[in-house]
Amino acid sequence: MIQGSIVALVTPMFDNGDIDKDSLKKLVEFHIEQGTDAIVSMGTTGESATLNEQEHMDVVKSVIQYVAGRIPVIAGTGANSTSEAIALTQAAKEVGANACLLVTPYYNKPTQEGLYLHYKAIAEAVDIPQILYNVPGRTACDMLPETVGRLAKIKNIVGVKEATGDLSRVTVIRELCGNEFAIYTGDDASSCEFCLLGGNGTITVSGNVAPRLVHEMITAAMNGDRETATSVDALLKGLHKYLFIQSNPIPVKWAVAEMGLTSKGIRLPLTWLTEDCVDKVRKAMKQAHVL
């Protein structure tokens, strides 16, 4: 089971929107040195919605090559088309991903039965560990714990990223799915408490900026060390809040560029962080001792 602090990696770009491979390699080395436990490449934070399929898989393949087996790489392969999700998942398997993360279909708002059949079709088509991803705030689709419980019975569906911020779902999903099923949070603000309640880790935006602190906090929380976990999390509270002051990944891309890790690029329809937000993000970074 992949556990711990799993960074939802940004995709570095030049100001014209082209992928910055040198910065991508630098980011991978930074995360391995800082103790990040695994990388998600081409999730929402990686701007998967604005890359075409060839670019998408080129980034995933590059991350896998740069990591060179040192930590697991999870490829984001979700789509609102089941056939497209199958194709991306098959491609991720072929380039050597350790697992795939599949967001619920967005915009088309399937029923719970539709969600079940969507994920079942992908799991049956591609033999690779698959992690469900529920983020209704962005998809307008909430996959209920009962549906997760049904899907957990499928052998290669191994976990869920639950990004509702609803801490009660940790216990409910655990009871439905058992101890071998991984439950990750996708909500940085509640990640400490989530893991203290028995979660298996976080798929984190804040971890792009303060990976060592997020790793320390999540490790302590998973070990039941509330005092250490909450103490470290206090340093991260500003990041958990202000990295979402504008739509993700706008603030986090500004932050990693400010740290000198990447170029200053983002793709439309997203735009660069506006000046009225800069001081708030910078203050949060100083609170976390990364500036």
Protein backbone atom coordinates (compact mmCIF):
# COMPACT_ATOMS: atom_id res chain seq x y z
CA MET A 1 0.00 0.00 0.00
CA ILE A 2 1.27 3.48 -0.91
CA GLN A 3 1.04 5.64 2.20
CA GLY A 4 2.14 8.97 3.65
CA SER A 5 2.67 12.36 2.06
CA ILE A 6 1.88 12.09 -1.64
CA VAL A 7 2.44 15.32 -3.55
CA ALA A 8 -0.03 16.35 -6.24
CA LEU A 9 2.81 17.63 -8.38
CA VAL A 10 2.54 20.86 -10.36
CA THR A 11 3.55 20.74 -14.00
CA PRO A 12 6.23 23.41 -14.61
CA MET A 13 5.68 25.57 -17.68
CA PHE A 14 7.36 28.45 -19.43
CA ASP A 15 5.44 31.69 -19.81
CA ASN A 16 4.24 30.56 -23.25
CA GLY A 17 2.67 27.41 -21.73
CA ASP A 18 5.27 24.90 -22.96
CA ILE A 19 6.33 22.19 -20.51
CA ASP A 20 9.58 22.98 -18.66
CA LYS A 21 11.26 19.57 -18.42
CA ASP A 22 14.37 20.84 -16.61
CA SER A 23 12.22 22.26 -13.82
CA LEU A 24 10.17 19.04 -13.72
CA LYS A 25 13.34 17.06 -13.09
CA LYS A 26 14.42 19.59 -10.44
CA LEU A 27 11.06 19.21 -8.69
CA VAL A 28 11.35 15.42 -8.61
CA GLU A 29 14.80 15.62 -6.99
CA PHE A 30 13.54 18.24 -4.53
CA HIS A 31 10.69 16.00 -3.39
CA ILE A 32 12.81 12.91 -3.00
CA GLU A 33 15.40 14.87 -0.98
CA GLN A 34 12.67 16.42 1.19
CA GLY A 35 11.07 13.08 2.09
CA THR A 36 7.93 13.05 -0.05
CA ASP A 37 6.60 9.48 -0.01
CA ALA A 38 5.08 9.34 -3.52
CA ILE A 39 4.21 11.58 -6.46
CA VAL A 40 0.95 12.05 -8.32
CA SER A 41 1.75 13.22 -11.85
CA MET A 42 -0.97 14.80 -13.95
CA GLY A 43 -3.65 15.23 -11.33
CA THR A 44 -5.81 18.35 -11.13
CA THR A 45 -2.88 20.29 -9.63
CA GLY A 46 -0.79 19.19 -12.61
CA GLU A 47 -3.23 20.96 -14.98
CA SER A 48 -4.35 17.72 -16.57
CA ALA A 49 -7.43 19.45 -17.97
CA THR A 50 -5.36 21.68 -20.27
CA LEU A 51 -2.84 19.16 -21.61
CA ASN A 52 -3.61 16.96 -24.58
CA GLU A 53 -3.22 13.19 -24.29
CA GLN A 54 0.28 13.14 -25.80
CA GLU A 55 1.52 15.88 -23.46
CA HIS A 56 -0.20 14.25 -20.52
CA MET A 57 1.55 10.93 -21.00
CA ASP A 58 4.88 12.59 -21.85
CA VAL A 59 4.84 14.32 -18.45
CA VAL A 60 3.94 11.08 -16.63
CA LYS A 61 6.66 9.17 -18.50
CA SER A 62 9.22 11.87 -17.71
CA VAL A 63 8.38 11.86 -14.00
CA ILE A 64 8.72 8.07 -13.91
CA GLN A 65 12.12 8.30 -15.62
CA TYR A 66 13.35 11.02 -13.23
CA VAL A 67 12.12 9.14 -10.14
CA ALA A 68 13.88 5.98 -11.35
CA GLY A 69 12.10 3.71 -8.91
CA ARG A 70 13.03 5.62 -5.75
CA ILE A 71 9.44 6.36 -4.74
CA PRO A 72 6.08 5.36 -6.26
CA VAL A 73 4.56 7.40 -9.08
CA ILE A 74 0.77 7.56 -9.41
CA ALA A 75 -0.56 8.77 -12.76
CA GLY A 76 -3.70 10.86 -12.95
CA THR A 77 -5.80 9.16 -15.63
CA GLY A 78 -9.37 10.16 -14.87
CA ALA A 79 -11.74 11.63 -17.45
CA ASN A 80 -15.44 12.29 -17.88
CA SER A 81 -15.40 9.84 -20.78
CA THR A 82 -15.01 6.20 -19.72
CA SER A 83 -13.25 5.26 -22.95
CA GLU A 84 -10.77 8.13 -22.55
CA ALA A 85 -10.07 7.13 -18.94
CA ILE A 86 -9.39 3.57 -20.08
CA ALA A 87 -6.99 4.78 -22.77
CA LEU A 88 -5.08 7.03 -20.35
CA THR A 89 -4.92 4.29 -17.73
CA GLN A 90 -3.59 1.78 -20.26
CA ALA A 91 -0.98 4.30 -21.41
CA ALA A 92 0.08 4.94 -17.81
CA LYS A 93 0.54 1.23 -17.24
CA GLU A 94 2.68 0.97 -20.38
CA VAL A 95 5.06 3.74 -19.24
CA GLY A 96 5.52 2.15 -15.82
CA ALA A 97 3.22 3.96 -13.37
CA ASN A 98 2.84 2.23 -10.02
CA ALA A 99 -0.86 3.11 -9.79
CA CYS A 100 -3.47 5.40 -11.31
CA LEU A 101 -5.68 8.08 -9.76
CA LEU A 102 -9.06 8.50 -11.41
CA VAL A 103 -11.22 11.52 -10.69
CA THR A 104 -14.98 11.07 -10.87
CA PRO A 105 -16.43 12.07 -14.24
CA TYR A 106 -16.94 15.82 -14.15
CA TYR A 107 -19.74 17.96 -15.61
CA ASN A 108 -21.91 15.06 -16.84
CA LYS A 109 -23.03 14.24 -13.25
CA PRO A 110 -23.50 10.45 -13.39
CA THR A 111 -25.68 8.53 -10.94
CA GLN A 112 -24.09 6.30 -8.29
CA GLU A 113 -24.76 3.32 -10.55
CA GLY A 114 -23.09 5.17 -13.41
CA LEU A 115 -20.04 5.82 -11.23
CA TYR A 116 -19.88 2.17 -10.24
CA LEU A 117 -20.06 0.97 -13.85
CA HIS A 118 -17.54 3.62 -15.00
CA TYR A 119 -14.88 2.53 -12.51
CA LYS A 120 -15.69 -1.15 -12.92
CA ALA A 121 -15.14 -0.85 -16.68
CA ILE A 122 -11.73 0.82 -16.21
CA ALA A 123 -10.60 -1.71 -13.59
CA GLU A 124 -11.61 -4.63 -15.78
CA ALA A 125 -9.92 -3.13 -18.85
CA VAL A 126 -6.53 -2.30 -17.30
CA ASP A 127 -4.74 -4.46 -14.73
CA ILE A 128 -3.03 -1.79 -12.63
CA PRO A 129 -3.76 -0.62 -9.06
CA GLN A 130 -6.40 2.11 -9.26
CA ILE A 131 -7.33 4.82 -6.75
CA LEU A 132 -10.75 6.47 -6.87
CA TYR A 133 -10.86 10.26 -6.51
CA ASN A 134 -13.87 12.06 -5.10
CA VAL A 135 -13.78 15.88 -5.25
CA PRO A 136 -17.37 17.12 -5.66
CA GLY A 137 -16.36 20.76 -5.21
CA ARG A 138 -14.72 20.60 -8.63
CA THR A 139 -16.69 17.89 -10.42
CA ALA A 140 -20.30 18.47 -9.28
CA CYS A 141 -20.40 14.73 -8.55
CA ASP A 142 -20.20 13.17 -5.08
CA MET A 143 -19.27 9.49 -4.96
CA LEU A 144 -20.93 8.21 -1.80
CA PRO A 145 -19.15 5.86 0.64
CA GLU A 146 -21.59 3.07 -0.26
CA THR A 147 -20.43 3.26 -3.89
CA VAL A 148 -16.79 3.21 -2.75
CA GLY A 149 -17.66 0.09 -0.72
CA ARG A 150 -19.03 -1.65 -3.79
CA LEU A 151 -15.97 -0.72 -5.85
CA ALA A 152 -13.53 -1.84 -3.14
CA LYS A 153 -14.59 -5.42 -3.87
CA ILE A 154 -12.91 -5.16 -7.27
CA LYS A 155 -9.38 -6.51 -6.86
CA ASN A 156 -7.34 -3.73 -8.48
CA ILE A 157 -9.34 -0.84 -7.00
CA VAL A 158 -7.08 -0.30 -4.00
CA GLY A 159 -7.99 3.06 -2.49
CA VAL A 160 -9.83 6.35 -2.58
CA LYS A 161 -8.81 9.99 -2.42
CA GLU A 162 -11.64 11.62 -0.45
CA ALA A 163 -11.54 15.38 -0.91
CA THR A 164 -14.85 16.46 0.60
CA GLY A 165 -13.30 17.53 3.90
CA ASP A 166 -15.94 15.40 5.66
CA LEU A 167 -13.96 13.62 8.39
CA SER A 168 -16.83 11.25 9.17
CA ARG A 169 -16.18 9.51 5.88
CA VAL A 170 -12.88 8.08 7.15
CA THR A 171 -14.70 5.80 9.59
CA VAL A 172 -17.59 5.02 7.25
CA ILE A 173 -15.35 4.08 4.31
CA ARG A 174 -13.06 2.04 6.58
CA GLU A 175 -16.01 0.05 7.87
CA LEU A 176 -17.28 -0.56 4.34
CA CYS A 177 -13.93 -1.33 2.70
CA GLY A 178 -11.70 -2.91 5.36
CA ASN A 179 -8.16 -2.26 6.51
CA GLU A 180 -6.44 -3.25 3.26
CA PHE A 181 -8.16 -0.45 1.33
CA ALA A 182 -6.23 2.83 1.32
CA ILE A 183 -8.07 6.01 2.30
CA TYR A 184 -6.31 9.26 1.41
CA THR A 185 -7.42 12.81 2.02
CA GLY A 186 -7.40 15.42 -0.70
CA ASP A 187 -8.18 18.27 1.69
CA ASP A 188 -5.00 19.81 3.12
CA ALA A 189 -6.79 21.77 5.84
CA SER A 190 -8.15 18.62 7.50
CA SER A 191 -5.33 16.23 6.57
CA CYS A 192 -3.84 16.10 10.06
CA GLU A 193 -7.08 15.08 11.72
CA PHE A 194 -7.94 12.78 8.80
CA CYS A 195 -4.78 10.74 9.35
CA LEU A 196 -5.17 10.78 13.14
CA LEU A 197 -8.56 9.15 12.52
CA GLY A 198 -6.96 6.32 10.55
CA GLY A 199 -6.37 7.69 7.05
CA ASN A 200 -3.44 6.31 5.07
CA GLY A 201 -2.04 9.63 3.94
CA THR A 202 -2.65 12.80 1.98
CA ILE A 203 -2.52 13.69 -1.69
CA THR A 204 -1.39 17.21 -1.04
CA VAL A 205 -1.10 20.62 -2.65
CA SER A 206 0.73 22.13 0.35
CA GLY A 207 3.36 19.42 -0.05
CA ASN A 208 4.55 21.13 -3.25
CA VAL A 209 5.80 24.03 -1.14
CA ALA A 210 6.68 22.48 2.24
CA PRO A 211 7.22 18.78 1.52
CA ARG A 212 9.38 18.02 4.56
CA LEU A 213 6.89 19.54 7.00
CA VAL A 214 3.93 17.79 5.37
CA HIS A 215 5.81 14.48 5.51
CA GLU A 216 6.63 14.99 9.19
CA MET A 217 3.06 15.95 10.05
CA ILE A 218 1.44 13.07 8.19
CA THR A 219 3.92 10.53 9.55
CA ALA A 220 3.24 11.67 13.10
CA ALA A 221 -0.53 11.63 12.54
CA MET A 222 -0.48 8.14 11.05
CA ASN A 223 1.54 6.99 14.08
CA GLY A 224 -1.04 8.47 16.43
CA ASP A 225 1.31 11.19 17.73
CA ARG A 226 -1.26 13.98 18.02
CA GLU A 227 1.05 16.41 19.80
CA THR A 228 3.73 16.34 17.11
CA ALA A 229 1.27 16.23 14.24
CA THR A 230 -0.74 19.24 15.40
CA SER A 231 2.40 21.19 16.28
CA VAL A 232 3.81 20.76 12.78
CA ASP A 233 0.43 21.32 11.16
CA ALA A 234 0.21 24.71 12.90
CA LEU A 235 3.13 25.85 10.71
CA LEU A 236 1.24 24.73 7.62
CA LYS A 237 -2.14 26.33 8.34
CA GLY A 238 -1.38 29.39 6.22
CA LEU A 239 -0.44 27.26 3.22
CA HIS A 240 -3.54 25.10 3.64
CA LYS A 241 -5.62 28.28 3.43
CA TYR A 242 -3.85 30.62 1.05
CA LEU A 243 -2.77 28.08 -1.57
CA PHE A 244 -6.49 28.07 -2.36
CA ILE A 245 -7.04 31.85 -2.31
CA GLN A 246 -7.50 31.53 -6.08
CA SER A 247 -8.27 28.39 -8.06
CA ASN A 248 -5.71 25.62 -7.60
CA PRO A 249 -3.02 25.47 -8.98
CA ILE A 250 -2.72 29.24 -9.44
CA PRO A 251 -1.27 30.04 -5.98
CA VAL A 252 0.91 26.94 -5.69
CA LYS A 253 2.50 27.54 -9.10
CA TRP A 254 3.34 31.08 -8.01
CA ALA A 255 4.80 29.72 -4.76
CA VAL A 256 7.12 27.13 -6.32
CA ALA A 257 8.30 29.72 -8.86
CA GLU A 258 8.96 32.13 -5.98
CA MET A 259 11.12 29.40 -4.40
CA GLY A 260 13.19 29.24 -7.59
CA LEU A 261 12.05 25.70 -8.42
CA THR A 262 10.16 26.39 -11.64
CA SER A 263 9.56 28.86 -14.42
CA LYS A 264 6.62 31.26 -14.24
CA GLY A 265 4.07 29.64 -16.51
CA ILE A 266 0.44 28.49 -16.40
CA ARG A 267 -2.08 27.63 -19.12
CA LEU A 268 -5.27 29.44 -19.95
CA PRO A 269 -7.98 29.57 -18.82
CA LEU A 270 -5.96 29.80 -15.59
CA THR A 271 -3.92 32.96 -15.06
CA TRP A 272 -0.98 33.97 -12.89
CA LEU A 273 -1.59 34.89 -9.23
CA THR A 274 -2.82 38.47 -8.94
CA GLU A 275 -0.83 41.04 -6.95
CA ASP A 276 -3.51 41.45 -4.28
CA CYS A 277 -2.95 37.82 -3.23
CA VAL A 278 0.84 37.71 -3.34
CA ASP A 279 1.51 39.00 0.19
CA LYS A 280 -0.88 36.48 1.75
CA VAL A 281 0.75 33.52 0.02
CA ARG A 282 4.23 34.84 0.81
CA LYS A 283 3.32 35.26 4.49
CA ALA A 284 2.10 31.65 4.61
CA MET A 285 5.35 30.48 3.05
CA LYS A 286 7.35 32.36 5.68
CA GLN A 287 5.21 30.80 8.41
CA ALA A 288 6.18 27.38 7.01
CA HIS A 289 9.87 28.44 6.87
CA VAL A 290 10.23 27.93 3.13
CA LEU A 291 11.11 31.60 2.42
